[in-house]
C-alpha atoms as a PDB file:
ATOM      1  CA  MET A   1     121.730 -83.527-166.832  1.00  0.00           C
ATOM      2  CA  ASN A   2     123.890 -80.436-167.164  1.00  0.00           C
ATOM      3  CA  GLN A   3     127.598 -80.865-166.644  1.00  0.00           C
ATOM      4  CA  LEU A   4     128.840 -80.502-163.099  1.00  0.00           C
ATOM      5  CA  THR A   5     131.768 -78.093-163.140  1.00  0.00           C
ATOM      6  CA  GLY A   6     133.500 -75.686-160.821  1.00  0.00           C
ATOM      7  CA  GLU A   7     135.682 -75.597-157.735  1.00  0.00           C
ATOM      8  CA  PHE A   8     134.093 -74.530-154.472  1.00  0.00           C
ATOM      9  CA  LYS A   9     134.943 -74.479-150.790  1.00  0.00           C
ATOM     10  CA  ASN A  10     132.464 -75.221-148.048  1.00  0.00           C
ATOM     11  CA  THR A  11     132.403 -76.295-144.429  1.00  0.00           C
ATOM     12  CA  LEU A  12     131.333 -79.645-143.060  1.00  0.00           C
ATOM     13  CA  ASP A  13     129.052 -79.074-140.069  1.00  0.00           C
ATOM     14  CA  GLU A  14     129.263 -80.861-136.703  1.00  0.00           C
ATOM     15  CA  LYS A  15     126.695 -83.439-137.865  1.00  0.00           C
ATOM     16  CA  GLY A  16     128.697 -84.382-140.959  1.00  0.00           C
ATOM     17  CA  ARG A  17     126.515 -82.447-143.403  1.00  0.00           C
ATOM     18  CA  LEU A  18     127.946 -80.614-146.383  1.00  0.00           C
ATOM     19  CA  SER A  19     126.053 -78.024-148.376  1.00  0.00           C
ATOM     20  CA  LEU A  20     126.516 -78.324-152.115  1.00  0.00           C
ATOM     21  CA  PRO A  21     126.957 -75.024-153.959  1.00  0.00           C
ATOM     22  CA  SER A  22     123.711 -73.752-155.475  1.00  0.00           C
ATOM     23  CA  ARG A  23     125.269 -73.847-158.948  1.00  0.00           C
ATOM     24  CA  MET A  24     125.883 -77.570-158.577  1.00  0.00           C
ATOM     25  CA  ARG A  25     122.484 -78.230-157.052  1.00  0.00           C
ATOM     26  CA  GLY A  26     120.958 -76.601-160.090  1.00  0.00           C
ATOM     27  CA  ALA A  27     122.914 -78.937-162.379  1.00  0.00           C
ATOM     28  CA  LEU A  28     121.584 -82.035-160.636  1.00  0.00           C
ATOM     29  CA  SER A  29     118.453 -83.060-162.485  1.00  0.00           C
ATOM     30  CA  GLU A  30     117.393 -85.469-159.741  1.00  0.00           C
ATOM     31  CA  THR A  31     117.563 -85.601-155.978  1.00  0.00           C
ATOM     32  CA  GLY A  32     118.871 -89.163-155.758  1.00  0.00           C
ATOM     33  CA  LEU A  33     122.627 -89.299-155.317  1.00  0.00           C
ATOM     34  CA  VAL A  34     125.238 -91.952-154.558  1.00  0.00           C
ATOM     35  CA  LEU A  35     128.339 -91.232-152.474  1.00  0.00           C
ATOM     36  CA  THR A  36     131.402 -93.506-152.349  1.00  0.00           C
ATOM     37  CA  ARG A  37     135.170 -93.505-151.911  1.00  0.00           C
ATOM     38  CA  GLY A  38     137.196 -92.102-154.768  1.00  0.00           C
ATOM     39  CA  VAL A  39     140.444 -93.443-156.156  1.00  0.00           C
ATOM     40  CA  ASP A  40     142.473 -90.730-154.419  1.00  0.00           C
ATOM     41  CA  THR A  41     141.871 -89.452-150.874  1.00  0.00           C
ATOM     42  CA  CYS A  42     138.479 -88.028-151.763  1.00  0.00           C
ATOM     43  CA  LEU A  43     134.834 -88.990-152.108  1.00  0.00           C
ATOM     44  CA  TRP A  44     132.885 -89.311-155.337  1.00  0.00           C
ATOM     45  CA  LEU A  45     129.291 -88.105-155.533  1.00  0.00           C
ATOM     46  CA  PHE A  46     127.211 -89.261-158.498  1.00  0.00           C
ATOM     47  CA  PRO A  47     123.667 -88.524-159.625  1.00  0.00           C
ATOM     48  CA  SER A  48     121.850 -91.869-159.350  1.00  0.00           C
ATOM     49  CA  GLN A  49     121.697 -92.533-163.094  1.00  0.00           C
ATOM     50  CA  GLN A  50     125.384 -91.732-163.587  1.00  0.00           C
ATOM     51  CA  TRP A  51     126.193 -94.118-160.722  1.00  0.00           C
ATOM     52  CA  ALA A  52     124.060 -96.874-162.251  1.00  0.00           C
ATOM     53  CA  ASP A  53     125.895 -96.510-165.566  1.00  0.00           C
ATOM     54  CA  PHE A  54     129.336 -96.303-163.949  1.00  0.00           C
ATOM     55  CA  SER A  55     128.848 -99.188-161.511  1.00  0.00           C
ATOM     56  CA  GLN A  56     127.527-101.475-164.279  1.00  0.00           C
ATOM     57  CA  LYS A  57     130.578-100.691-166.423  1.00  0.00           C
ATOM     58  CA  LEU A  58     132.864-101.322-163.457  1.00  0.00           C
ATOM     59  CA  LEU A  59     131.200-104.673-162.717  1.00  0.00           C
ATOM     60  CA  ALA A  60     131.479-105.635-166.392  1.00  0.00           C
ATOM     61  CA  VAL A  61     135.273-105.240-166.371  1.00  0.00           C
ATOM     62  CA  THR A  62     135.985-106.785-162.955  1.00  0.00           C
ATOM     63  CA  SER A  63     135.653-110.308-161.615  1.00  0.00           C
ATOM     64  CA  PRO A  64     135.187-111.635-158.083  1.00  0.00           C
ATOM     65  CA  PHE A  65     137.775-114.290-159.028  1.00  0.00           C
ATOM     66  CA  GLN A  66     140.614-111.779-159.488  1.00  0.00           C
ATOM     67  CA  ALA A  67     142.283-110.192-156.458  1.00  0.00           C
ATOM     68  CA  LYS A  68     142.762-106.745-158.043  1.00  0.00           C
ATOM     69  CA  SER A  69     139.149-106.709-159.221  1.00  0.00           C
ATOM     70  CA  ARG A  70     137.887-107.607-155.754  1.00  0.00           C
ATOM     71  CA  LEU A  71     139.992-104.796-154.311  1.00  0.00           C
ATOM     72  CA  VAL A  72     138.457-102.250-156.695  1.00  0.00           C
ATOM     73  CA  GLN A  73     134.940-103.554-156.015  1.00  0.00           C
ATOM     74  CA  ARG A  74     135.473-103.390-152.255  1.00  0.00           C
ATOM     75  CA  ARG A  75     136.980 -99.920-152.394  1.00  0.00           C
ATOM     76  CA  ILE A  76     134.492 -98.262-154.740  1.00  0.00           C
ATOM     77  CA  LEU A  77     131.284-100.304-154.953  1.00  0.00           C
ATOM     78  CA  ALA A  78     130.946-101.660-151.418  1.00  0.00           C
ATOM     79  CA  PRO A  79     130.965 -98.351-149.481  1.00  0.00           C
ATOM     80  CA  ALA A  80     128.517 -96.658-151.875  1.00  0.00           C
ATOM     81  CA  ILE A  81     125.499 -95.147-150.145  1.00  0.00           C
ATOM     82  CA  GLU A  82     122.363 -93.589-151.592  1.00  0.00           C
ATOM     83  CA  LEU A  83     121.667 -90.036-150.448  1.00  0.00           C
ATOM     84  CA  GLU A  84     119.283 -87.214-151.140  1.00  0.00           C
ATOM     85  CA  LEU A  85     119.761 -83.508-150.844  1.00  0.00           C
ATOM     86  CA  ASP A  86     117.881 -82.143-147.860  1.00  0.00           C
ATOM     87  CA  ARG A  87     115.693 -79.050-148.233  1.00  0.00           C
ATOM     88  CA  LEU A  88     118.766 -76.845-147.640  1.00  0.00           C
ATOM     89  CA  GLY A  89     120.822 -78.546-150.364  1.00  0.00           C
ATOM     90  CA  ARG A  90     122.998 -80.556-147.978  1.00  0.00           C
ATOM     91  CA  ILE A  91     124.165 -84.142-148.019  1.00  0.00           C
ATOM     92  CA  SER A  92     124.890 -86.106-144.861  1.00  0.00           C
ATOM     93  CA  ILE A  93     128.242 -87.884-145.141  1.00  0.00           C
ATOM     94  CA  PRO A  94     128.572 -91.055-143.051  1.00  0.00           C
ATOM     95  CA  GLN A  95     131.419 -91.144-140.534  1.00  0.00           C
ATOM     96  CA  SER A  96     133.223 -94.011-142.301  1.00  0.00           C
ATOM     97  CA  LEU A  97     133.389 -92.054-145.558  1.00  0.00           C
ATOM     98  CA  ARG A  98     134.415 -88.841-143.774  1.00  0.00           C
ATOM     99  CA  GLU A  99     137.284 -90.752-142.166  1.00  0.00           C
ATOM    100  CA  SER A 100     138.402 -92.392-145.427  1.00  0.00           C
ATOM    101  CA  ALA A 101     138.719 -88.960-147.092  1.00  0.00           C
ATOM    102  CA  GLY A 102     140.133 -87.199-144.036  1.00  0.00           C
ATOM    103  CA  LEU A 103     137.198 -84.782-143.921  1.00  0.00           C
ATOM    104  CA  SER A 104     136.945 -82.775-140.726  1.00  0.00           C
ATOM    105  CA  ARG A 105     135.884 -79.198-141.438  1.00  0.00           C
ATOM    106  CA  GLU A 106     137.004 -77.324-144.558  1.00  0.00           C
ATOM    107  CA  CYS A 107     136.205 -79.077-147.845  1.00  0.00           C
ATOM    108  CA  VAL A 108     136.854 -78.558-151.545  1.00  0.00           C
ATOM    109  CA  ILE A 109     134.035 -79.555-153.894  1.00  0.00           C
ATOM    110  CA  LEU A 110     135.055 -80.190-157.502  1.00  0.00           C
ATOM    111  CA  GLY A 111     132.711 -80.679-160.432  1.00  0.00           C
ATOM    112  CA  ILE A 112     134.220 -83.264-162.790  1.00  0.00           C
ATOM    113  CA  SER A 113     131.568 -83.063-165.529  1.00  0.00           C
ATOM    114  CA  LYS A 114     129.506 -86.162-164.621  1.00  0.00           C
ATOM    115  CA  TYR A 115     130.328 -86.489-160.926  1.00  0.00           C
ATOM    116  CA  ILE A 116     131.585 -84.473-157.959  1.00  0.00           C
ATOM    117  CA  GLU A 117     134.727 -84.951-155.898  1.00  0.00           C
ATOM    118  CA  ILE A 118     134.755 -83.958-152.231  1.00  0.00           C
ATOM    119  CA  TRP A 119     138.166 -83.371-150.659  1.00  0.00           C
ATOM    120  CA  SER A 120     139.551 -82.182-147.361  1.00  0.00           C
ATOM    121  CA  THR A 121     141.075 -78.778-148.191  1.00  0.00           C
ATOM    122  CA  GLU A 122     144.368 -79.924-146.670  1.00  0.00           C
ATOM    123  CA  GLU A 123     144.399 -83.235-148.586  1.00  0.00           C
ATOM    124  CA  TYR A 124     143.563 -81.492-151.865  1.00  0.00           C
ATOM    125  CA  ARG A 125     146.345 -78.924-151.441  1.00  0.00           C
ATOM    126  CA  LYS A 126     148.773 -81.758-150.611  1.00  0.00           C
ATOM    127  CA  TYR A 127     147.602 -83.755-153.654  1.00  0.00           C
ATOM    128  CA  LEU A 128     148.107 -80.797-156.002  1.00  0.00           C
ATOM    129  CA  ASP A 129     151.578 -80.070-154.623  1.00  0.00           C
ATOM    130  CA  GLU A 130     152.680 -83.704-154.866  1.00  0.00           C
ATOM    131  CA  HIS A 131     151.387 -84.157-158.421  1.00  0.00           C
ATOM    132  CA  GLU A 132     152.368 -80.869-160.076  1.00  0.00           C
ATOM    133  CA  ALA A 133     155.203 -82.424-162.104  1.00  0.00           C
ATOM    134  CA  GLU A 134     152.923 -85.257-163.252  1.00  0.00           C
ATOM    135  CA  PHE A 135     150.298 -82.717-164.292  1.00  0.00           C
ATOM    136  CA  LEU A 136     152.816 -80.792-166.379  1.00  0.00           C
ATOM    137  CA  ASP A 137     153.933 -84.028-168.087  1.00  0.00           C
ATOM    138  CA  ALA A 138     150.309 -85.050-168.718  1.00  0.00           C
ATOM    139  CA  ALA A 139     149.471 -81.613-170.111  1.00  0.00           C
ATOM    140  CA  GLU A 140     152.467 -81.843-172.450  1.00  0.00           C
ATOM    141  CA  THR A 141     151.045 -85.040-173.982  1.00  0.00           C
ATOM    142  CA  LEU A 142     147.950 -83.086-174.982  1.00  0.00           C
ATOM    143  CA  GLY A 143     149.956 -80.886-177.333  1.00  0.00           C
ATOM    144  CA  ASP A 144     147.814 -81.792-180.353  1.00  0.00           C
ATOM    145  CA  LEU A 145     144.577 -80.780-178.604  1.00  0.00           C
ATOM    146  CA  THR A 146     143.208 -77.581-180.087  1.00  0.00           C
ATOM    147  CA  LEU A 147     140.830 -75.115-178.503  1.00  0.00           C
END
């Protein structure tokens, strides 16, 4: 699979469908996808194989006997739903996931190498504004990274 990269804006239609940018569709080597809640106020979209790898790793480091582990499992694994791109390159986002990410109309689609984040434009702008200082601190710690 090619890396999924780029930042795009698109509109969620009245039926809860979101068209993925053609550049991203081209990077998906399979039609099977898995959509779930992200850690922040966004959704994560994985190609099926990436999801299988990720979910197995997550299960390996969590336990149903630990409260924090159960919370992570319930937040990320439980709401996961298998999807396919329709013939127009759209995914249909269930209402519960739209609500959890605050999606209503305008969306930001971010390629994060092996998965995609889907944000409400408003939530993403708010997130960036609130975390700018943290980003600058995090970037500073990468001082030894060379191009």
